[in-house]
Amino acid sequence: MPIRQLSSQDAETFRELRLEGLRVAPAAFAVATEDVAHQPLAWFGAALGLSAVFAAENGAGRLLGMLAYQDDPLHKRRHIGHLWGMYVRAEASGQGLGTALMDAAISHARSRVAVLQLAVGAANPTAIRLYERAGFRLYGTELASLRVNGVDATTLLMALHFD
């Protein structure tokens, strides 16, 4: 399945996929559905201008997965990029989309930054293995970083160094 970078014209399908991911896997994201569901479509379009969002789609144009890259906005941290929002729909799981999305994001980041960082739930071994296969290594642990439905979750901080 082809991977492409979304544009502001994809705001509606991006919104749909992002909200689904937040609903289906609430422990996987620091952002809650309640944080963004009320935002207008223009807000999602603007988000696509602030981040490079890579998506896989089927032949009918339905988005099946996404991964976003964002530059760090701080001057002293401009050598660092961040990945966020990895989500693959259940119907597309096991087809290599996560790897393809990761490859696209890393390829994009490699020419922009020296370090690529991400955060992943400690209770998500599938994602952790994907990130480790891509070359990410653990550099920190945030205990009780999220509270989802009254349950504390630990977040692992991972980085990939290009230089």
Foldseek 3Di string as FASTA:
>chain_A
DDKDWDALVCLVLQLVQLLVCLVVCVVWAQDHNVNPVPPDSVVSNVVSVQWGKMFDADPVRRTFWIKIKHADPDPVRRQEIEIDDTDGHPVCPPVCPSLVRVVVRCVVCLVGHFKYKYKGWPPCVVVVVSVVVVPKDFDDKDWQPDADPNDGTIITMIMHGND
